[in-house]
Amino acid sequence: MLIEQLVTSFIATAAFGLIFNAPKKSLLQCGFAGMMGWLMYILFDQRFNMVLSTLAATFLVGVISLVLARINKNPVIIYSVSGILPLVPGGLAYDAMRKFVENDYNTAIQLAAAAFLISGSIATGLVLSEVLNQLLRKAAARPKSSAHR
């Protein structure tokens, strides 16, 4: 079951990269970023809730995207937008809207809140990975102080 999910997330992410007009040579790497994010999500989802699992998975996608962008000299967005695709709570948002239409407001609000929290964790994970990147770059660029005074 895990292998099927990983292969499916790889294909879906790479295919979205194609639709997103990512460079053809980066499609496998886009698929890799999405697959690793989904793997992290599955591993964390067994121990934590969906929001924390999504946050961790998105952070990993962000880090992988930054590394791939630097290696391939491409914009980070190519890998990060494709990579988060498996984590987007589209099914939850659809179910929430369906419940609103069916006048089941209690369930609809619960599902909408969950979709909102997951969406927020996606944004937070991407921001955290970029902040970590900026901190590491500043630390690496900082001149080393001499030991003599």
Protein backbone atom coordinates (compact mmCIF):
# COMPACT_ATOMS: atom_id res chain seq x y z
CA MET A 1 0.00 0.00 0.00
CA LEU A 2 2.83 2.43 0.85
CA ILE A 3 4.62 1.78 -2.43
CA GLU A 4 1.41 2.42 -4.37
CA GLN A 5 0.89 5.73 -2.57
CA LEU A 6 4.48 6.81 -3.20
CA VAL A 7 4.32 5.93 -6.89
CA THR A 8 0.97 7.68 -7.24
CA SER A 9 2.21 10.81 -5.49
CA PHE A 10 5.32 10.81 -7.68
CA ILE A 11 3.28 10.54 -10.88
CA ALA A 12 0.70 13.12 -9.77
CA THR A 13 3.37 15.60 -8.74
CA ALA A 14 5.41 15.17 -11.91
CA ALA A 15 2.26 15.44 -14.03
CA PHE A 16 1.26 18.63 -12.23
CA GLY A 17 4.74 19.97 -12.96
CA LEU A 18 4.05 19.30 -16.62
CA ILE A 19 0.73 21.16 -16.43
CA PHE A 20 2.46 23.95 -14.48
CA ASN A 21 4.97 24.29 -17.38
CA ALA A 22 7.97 23.29 -15.31
CA PRO A 23 11.07 22.59 -17.41
CA LYS A 24 10.91 19.05 -18.74
CA LYS A 25 14.30 18.17 -17.25
CA SER A 26 12.98 19.02 -13.77
CA LEU A 27 9.82 16.89 -13.84
CA LEU A 28 11.45 13.88 -12.18
CA GLN A 29 12.77 16.12 -9.43
CA CYS A 30 9.33 17.69 -8.98
CA GLY A 31 7.93 14.17 -8.61
CA PHE A 32 10.65 13.33 -6.11
CA ALA A 33 9.83 16.39 -3.97
CA GLY A 34 6.14 15.47 -3.89
CA MET A 35 6.83 11.83 -3.17
CA MET A 36 9.15 12.65 -0.26
CA GLY A 37 6.61 15.08 1.16
CA TRP A 38 3.90 12.44 0.97
CA LEU A 39 6.19 9.87 2.63
CA MET A 40 6.86 12.29 5.49
CA TYR A 41 3.14 12.96 5.79
CA ILE A 42 2.30 9.24 5.99
CA LEU A 43 5.02 8.55 8.56
CA PHE A 44 3.99 11.47 10.77
CA ASP A 45 0.26 10.91 10.33
CA GLN A 46 0.58 7.60 12.17
CA ARG A 47 1.80 9.41 15.30
CA PHE A 48 0.51 12.98 15.06
CA ASN A 49 -2.53 14.82 13.75
CA MET A 50 -3.06 15.91 10.14
CA VAL A 51 -2.02 19.51 10.72
CA LEU A 52 1.35 18.68 12.29
CA SER A 53 1.96 15.95 9.70
CA THR A 54 1.25 18.39 6.89
CA LEU A 55 3.50 21.00 8.47
CA ALA A 56 6.41 18.55 8.70
CA ALA A 57 5.85 17.26 5.17
CA THR A 58 5.63 20.76 3.73
CA PHE A 59 8.78 21.81 5.56
CA LEU A 60 10.56 18.85 3.98
CA VAL A 61 9.20 19.74 0.54
CA GLY A 62 10.42 23.29 1.06
CA VAL A 63 13.92 22.16 2.02
CA ILE A 64 14.09 19.72 -0.90
CA SER A 65 12.83 22.45 -3.23
CA LEU A 66 15.52 24.87 -2.06
CA VAL A 67 18.24 22.27 -2.56
CA LEU A 68 16.97 21.23 -5.99
CA ALA A 69 16.61 24.86 -7.07
CA ARG A 70 20.18 25.61 -6.08
CA ILE A 71 21.57 22.49 -7.75
CA ASN A 72 19.63 22.98 -11.00
CA LYS A 73 19.69 26.80 -11.00
CA ASN A 74 15.89 26.99 -11.28
CA PRO A 75 13.36 28.99 -9.27
CA VAL A 76 12.29 27.33 -6.02
CA ILE A 77 8.63 27.68 -6.94
CA ILE A 78 8.98 25.03 -9.66
CA TYR A 79 9.63 22.35 -7.07
CA SER A 80 7.64 23.67 -4.12
CA VAL A 81 4.32 24.20 -5.93
CA SER A 82 4.52 20.78 -7.51
CA GLY A 83 5.77 19.20 -4.30
CA ILE A 84 2.92 20.36 -2.09
CA LEU A 85 0.25 19.06 -4.46
CA PRO A 86 -0.34 15.75 -2.62
CA LEU A 87 -0.74 17.66 0.65
CA VAL A 88 -3.42 20.11 -0.48
CA PRO A 89 -6.74 19.37 1.30
CA GLY A 90 -8.91 19.49 -1.80
CA GLY A 91 -11.02 16.52 -0.76
CA LEU A 92 -11.75 18.06 2.64
CA ALA A 93 -12.73 21.37 1.06
CA TYR A 94 -15.01 19.57 -1.39
CA ASP A 95 -16.66 17.58 1.40
CA ALA A 96 -17.14 20.77 3.44
CA MET A 97 -18.90 22.49 0.55
CA ARG A 98 -21.03 19.41 -0.07
CA LYS A 99 -22.10 19.38 3.57
CA PHE A 100 -23.01 23.08 3.38
CA VAL A 101 -25.20 22.37 0.35
CA GLU A 102 -26.82 19.46 2.21
CA ASN A 103 -27.55 21.82 5.16
CA ASP A 104 -25.34 19.75 7.51
CA TYR A 105 -23.69 22.85 8.96
CA ASN A 106 -22.02 21.26 11.98
CA THR A 107 -20.09 18.77 9.86
CA ALA A 108 -19.44 21.40 7.19
CA ILE A 109 -17.83 23.77 9.67
CA GLN A 110 -15.67 21.00 11.13
CA LEU A 111 -14.46 19.96 7.67
CA ALA A 112 -13.89 23.56 6.58
CA ALA A 113 -11.91 24.29 9.74
CA ALA A 114 -9.75 21.22 9.15
CA ALA A 115 -9.12 22.26 5.53
CA PHE A 116 -8.27 25.78 6.69
CA LEU A 117 -5.81 24.52 9.33
CA ILE A 118 -4.12 22.18 6.86
CA SER A 119 -3.84 25.00 4.32
CA GLY A 120 -2.27 27.16 6.99
CA SER A 121 0.21 24.46 7.89
CA ILE A 122 1.23 24.23 4.21
CA ALA A 123 1.93 27.96 4.13
CA THR A 124 3.74 27.82 7.47
CA GLY A 125 5.92 24.89 6.41
CA LEU A 126 7.03 26.68 3.24
CA VAL A 127 7.76 29.88 5.19
CA LEU A 128 9.73 28.00 7.85
CA SER A 129 11.89 26.27 5.25
CA GLU A 130 12.64 29.62 3.60
CA VAL A 131 13.45 31.24 6.96
CA LEU A 132 15.83 28.38 7.77
CA ASN A 133 17.45 28.81 4.35
CA GLN A 134 17.93 32.55 4.91
CA LEU A 135 19.40 31.98 8.38
CA LEU A 136 21.86 29.40 7.06
CA ARG A 137 22.87 31.64 4.16
CA LYS A 138 23.48 34.59 6.49
CA ALA A 139 25.47 32.41 8.87
CA ALA A 140 27.60 31.10 6.00
CA ALA A 141 28.18 34.60 4.61
CA ARG A 142 29.14 36.08 7.98
CA PRO A 143 32.88 36.76 8.12
CA LYS A 144 34.77 34.71 10.64
CA SER A 145 36.06 36.81 13.51
CA SER A 146 39.69 36.52 14.31
CA ALA A 147 40.75 35.08 17.63
CA HIS A 148 43.36 37.84 18.14
CA ARG A 149 42.40 41.00 19.97
